[in-house]
Amino acid sequence: MTLSLHGLPFKDEAVGDGVSVVGLALKHGLSGYDATYVALAKLSEPPLATADRKMAAAARAEGLTNRGSTCA
């Protein structure tokens, strides 16, 4: 996937088993920072611990378990 970020070419290379941080961010409306945590959880398969509702919803949609309370 190639994107243009403020006129600069940006190429998102998937990591590990093809998990794309930019793809997760776009799919779930997450920041790149939050999408990185979801991608890492997908790659290493631990439960994700977050109180962020949007990140928790993305994690559930990606088949991950959330160990945090969703209050933010």
N, C-alpha and C. Protein backbone atom coordinates (compact mmCIF):
# COMPACT_ATOMS: atom_id res chain seq x y z
N MET A 1 0.85 -1.16 0.00
CA MET A 1 0.00 0.00 0.00
C MET A 1 0.90 1.23 0.00
N THR A 2 0.65 2.16 -0.88
CA THR A 2 1.41 3.41 -0.92
C THR A 2 0.46 4.57 -0.67
N LEU A 3 0.80 5.43 0.26
CA LEU A 3 -0.01 6.59 0.60
C LEU A 3 0.82 7.85 0.44
N SER A 4 0.16 8.98 0.31
CA SER A 4 0.86 10.25 0.28
C SER A 4 0.54 10.99 1.56
N LEU A 5 1.53 11.33 2.32
CA LEU A 5 1.36 12.01 3.60
C LEU A 5 1.96 13.39 3.46
N HIS A 6 1.09 14.40 3.38
CA HIS A 6 1.52 15.79 3.19
C HIS A 6 2.48 15.92 2.01
N GLY A 7 2.16 15.22 0.94
CA GLY A 7 2.95 15.32 -0.27
C GLY A 7 4.20 14.45 -0.28
N LEU A 8 4.48 13.74 0.80
CA LEU A 8 5.65 12.86 0.85
C LEU A 8 5.22 11.43 0.60
N PRO A 9 5.95 10.70 -0.22
CA PRO A 9 5.57 9.30 -0.45
C PRO A 9 5.79 8.49 0.82
N PHE A 10 4.84 7.65 1.13
CA PHE A 10 4.90 6.82 2.32
C PHE A 10 4.49 5.42 1.92
N LYS A 11 5.34 4.47 2.18
CA LYS A 11 5.03 3.09 1.83
C LYS A 11 4.90 2.30 3.11
N ASP A 12 3.76 1.67 3.29
CA ASP A 12 3.49 0.86 4.47
C ASP A 12 3.87 -0.58 4.17
N GLU A 13 4.94 -1.03 4.75
CA GLU A 13 5.35 -2.42 4.58
C GLU A 13 4.76 -3.21 5.73
N ALA A 14 3.97 -4.21 5.43
CA ALA A 14 3.39 -5.04 6.47
C ALA A 14 4.51 -5.76 7.23
N VAL A 15 4.25 -6.03 8.48
CA VAL A 15 5.24 -6.71 9.31
C VAL A 15 4.75 -8.11 9.65
N GLY A 16 5.68 -8.96 10.03
CA GLY A 16 5.32 -10.29 10.49
C GLY A 16 4.49 -11.05 9.48
N ASP A 17 3.27 -11.39 9.87
CA ASP A 17 2.40 -12.19 9.01
C ASP A 17 1.51 -11.34 8.12
N GLY A 18 1.95 -10.12 7.82
CA GLY A 18 1.20 -9.27 6.91
C GLY A 18 0.32 -8.25 7.61
N VAL A 19 0.51 -8.07 8.92
CA VAL A 19 -0.28 -7.08 9.65
C VAL A 19 0.22 -5.68 9.26
N SER A 20 -0.69 -4.86 8.75
CA SER A 20 -0.36 -3.52 8.31
C SER A 20 -0.91 -2.51 9.32
N VAL A 21 -0.02 -1.71 9.89
CA VAL A 21 -0.42 -0.68 10.85
C VAL A 21 -1.34 0.33 10.18
N VAL A 22 -0.96 0.79 8.99
CA VAL A 22 -1.78 1.76 8.28
C VAL A 22 -3.13 1.14 7.92
N GLY A 23 -3.12 -0.10 7.50
CA GLY A 23 -4.37 -0.79 7.18
C GLY A 23 -5.31 -0.87 8.38
N LEU A 24 -4.76 -1.20 9.55
CA LEU A 24 -5.57 -1.25 10.76
C LEU A 24 -6.09 0.13 11.13
N ALA A 25 -5.22 1.14 11.00
CA ALA A 25 -5.63 2.51 11.33
C ALA A 25 -6.78 2.95 10.45
N LEU A 26 -6.69 2.69 9.15
CA LEU A 26 -7.74 3.10 8.22
C LEU A 26 -9.02 2.28 8.43
N LYS A 27 -8.87 1.01 8.65
CA LYS A 27 -10.02 0.12 8.82
C LYS A 27 -10.85 0.48 10.05
N HIS A 28 -10.16 0.85 11.15
CA HIS A 28 -10.84 1.06 12.42
C HIS A 28 -10.86 2.52 12.88
N GLY A 29 -10.33 3.43 12.07
CA GLY A 29 -10.32 4.83 12.45
C GLY A 29 -9.41 5.12 13.63
N LEU A 30 -8.30 4.40 13.73
CA LEU A 30 -7.36 4.57 14.83
C LEU A 30 -6.21 5.48 14.43
N SER A 31 -5.54 6.05 15.41
CA SER A 31 -4.29 6.75 15.14
C SER A 31 -3.24 5.70 14.81
N GLY A 32 -2.17 6.12 14.18
CA GLY A 32 -1.08 5.19 13.90
C GLY A 32 -0.51 4.59 15.17
N TYR A 33 -0.46 5.41 16.21
CA TYR A 33 0.06 4.97 17.52
C TYR A 33 -0.81 3.83 18.07
N ASP A 34 -2.13 4.03 18.09
CA ASP A 34 -3.03 2.99 18.61
C ASP A 34 -3.03 1.76 17.72
N ALA A 35 -3.00 1.97 16.41
CA ALA A 35 -2.99 0.83 15.48
C ALA A 35 -1.72 -0.01 15.66
N THR A 36 -0.63 0.63 16.06
CA THR A 36 0.61 -0.12 16.30
C THR A 36 0.44 -1.10 17.44
N TYR A 37 -0.23 -0.69 18.51
CA TYR A 37 -0.48 -1.60 19.63
C TYR A 37 -1.37 -2.76 19.22
N VAL A 38 -2.39 -2.49 18.42
CA VAL A 38 -3.26 -3.56 17.94
C VAL A 38 -2.47 -4.52 17.05
N ALA A 39 -1.63 -3.98 16.17
CA ALA A 39 -0.80 -4.83 15.30
C ALA A 39 0.15 -5.69 16.11
N LEU A 40 0.78 -5.11 17.13
CA LEU A 40 1.69 -5.89 17.97
C LEU A 40 0.95 -7.00 18.70
N ALA A 41 -0.24 -6.71 19.19
CA ALA A 41 -1.03 -7.74 19.87
C ALA A 41 -1.41 -8.85 18.90
N LYS A 42 -1.71 -8.49 17.64
CA LYS A 42 -2.04 -9.51 16.65
C LYS A 42 -0.84 -10.40 16.35
N LEU A 43 0.34 -9.81 16.35
CA LEU A 43 1.55 -10.58 16.03
C LEU A 43 1.99 -11.48 17.17
N SER A 44 1.88 -11.00 18.40
CA SER A 44 2.40 -11.77 19.53
C SER A 44 1.30 -12.47 20.32
N GLU A 45 0.05 -12.19 20.01
CA GLU A 45 -1.13 -12.84 20.56
C GLU A 45 -1.34 -12.72 22.07
N PRO A 46 -0.79 -11.72 22.76
CA PRO A 46 -1.20 -11.54 24.16
C PRO A 46 -2.50 -10.76 24.17
N PRO A 47 -3.23 -10.79 25.28
CA PRO A 47 -4.41 -9.93 25.33
C PRO A 47 -3.98 -8.47 25.33
N LEU A 48 -4.77 -7.62 24.72
CA LEU A 48 -4.48 -6.20 24.69
C LEU A 48 -5.10 -5.57 25.94
N ALA A 49 -4.36 -4.74 26.63
CA ALA A 49 -4.87 -4.06 27.82
C ALA A 49 -5.03 -2.58 27.48
N THR A 50 -6.28 -2.14 27.33
CA THR A 50 -6.55 -0.74 27.02
C THR A 50 -7.87 -0.32 27.61
N ALA A 51 -7.95 0.94 27.98
CA ALA A 51 -9.21 1.51 28.44
C ALA A 51 -9.83 2.38 27.34
N ASP A 52 -9.19 2.43 26.19
CA ASP A 52 -9.67 3.23 25.06
C ASP A 52 -10.75 2.46 24.32
N ARG A 53 -11.94 3.02 24.24
CA ARG A 53 -13.07 2.32 23.62
C ARG A 53 -12.83 1.99 22.15
N LYS A 54 -12.28 2.93 21.41
CA LYS A 54 -12.07 2.72 19.98
C LYS A 54 -11.03 1.62 19.75
N MET A 55 -9.94 1.64 20.53
CA MET A 55 -8.92 0.61 20.37
C MET A 55 -9.45 -0.75 20.82
N ALA A 56 -10.24 -0.77 21.90
CA ALA A 56 -10.83 -2.03 22.37
C ALA A 56 -11.78 -2.61 21.32
N ALA A 57 -12.57 -1.75 20.67
CA ALA A 57 -13.48 -2.22 19.62
C ALA A 57 -12.70 -2.78 18.44
N ALA A 58 -11.62 -2.11 18.08
CA ALA A 58 -10.77 -2.59 16.98
C ALA A 58 -10.16 -3.94 17.34
N ALA A 59 -9.70 -4.06 18.58
CA ALA A 59 -9.10 -5.32 19.03
C ALA A 59 -10.13 -6.46 18.95
N ARG A 60 -11.35 -6.20 19.42
CA ARG A 60 -12.40 -7.23 19.35
C ARG A 60 -12.69 -7.60 17.90
N ALA A 61 -12.76 -6.60 17.02
CA ALA A 61 -13.03 -6.86 15.61
C ALA A 61 -11.93 -7.69 14.96
N GLU A 62 -10.71 -7.56 15.50
CA GLU A 62 -9.58 -8.32 14.97
C GLU A 62 -9.39 -9.66 15.69
N GLY A 63 -10.34 -10.00 16.58
CA GLY A 63 -10.29 -11.30 17.26
C GLY A 63 -9.39 -11.33 18.47
N LEU A 64 -9.06 -10.17 19.03
CA LEU A 64 -8.19 -10.10 20.20
C LEU A 64 -9.01 -9.94 21.47
N THR A 65 -8.41 -10.31 22.60
CA THR A 65 -9.03 -10.14 23.91
C THR A 65 -8.50 -8.86 24.53
N ASN A 66 -9.39 -8.08 25.15
CA ASN A 66 -8.99 -6.87 25.85
C ASN A 66 -9.06 -7.13 27.35
N ARG A 67 -7.98 -6.83 28.05
CA ARG A 67 -7.92 -7.02 29.49
C ARG A 67 -8.08 -5.72 30.26
N GLY A 68 -8.42 -4.63 29.59
CA GLY A 68 -8.59 -3.36 30.27
C GLY A 68 -10.05 -3.03 30.43
N SER A 69 -10.33 -2.05 31.27
CA SER A 69 -11.71 -1.58 31.38
C SER A 69 -11.89 -0.47 30.36
N THR A 70 -12.95 -0.51 29.62
CA THR A 70 -13.17 0.52 28.60
C THR A 70 -13.93 1.68 29.21
N CYS A 71 -13.20 2.76 29.47
CA CYS A 71 -13.82 3.91 30.08
C CYS A 71 -13.42 5.20 29.38
N ALA A 72 -12.47 5.18 28.48
CA ALA A 72 -12.01 6.42 27.83
C ALA A 72 -12.55 6.52 26.43
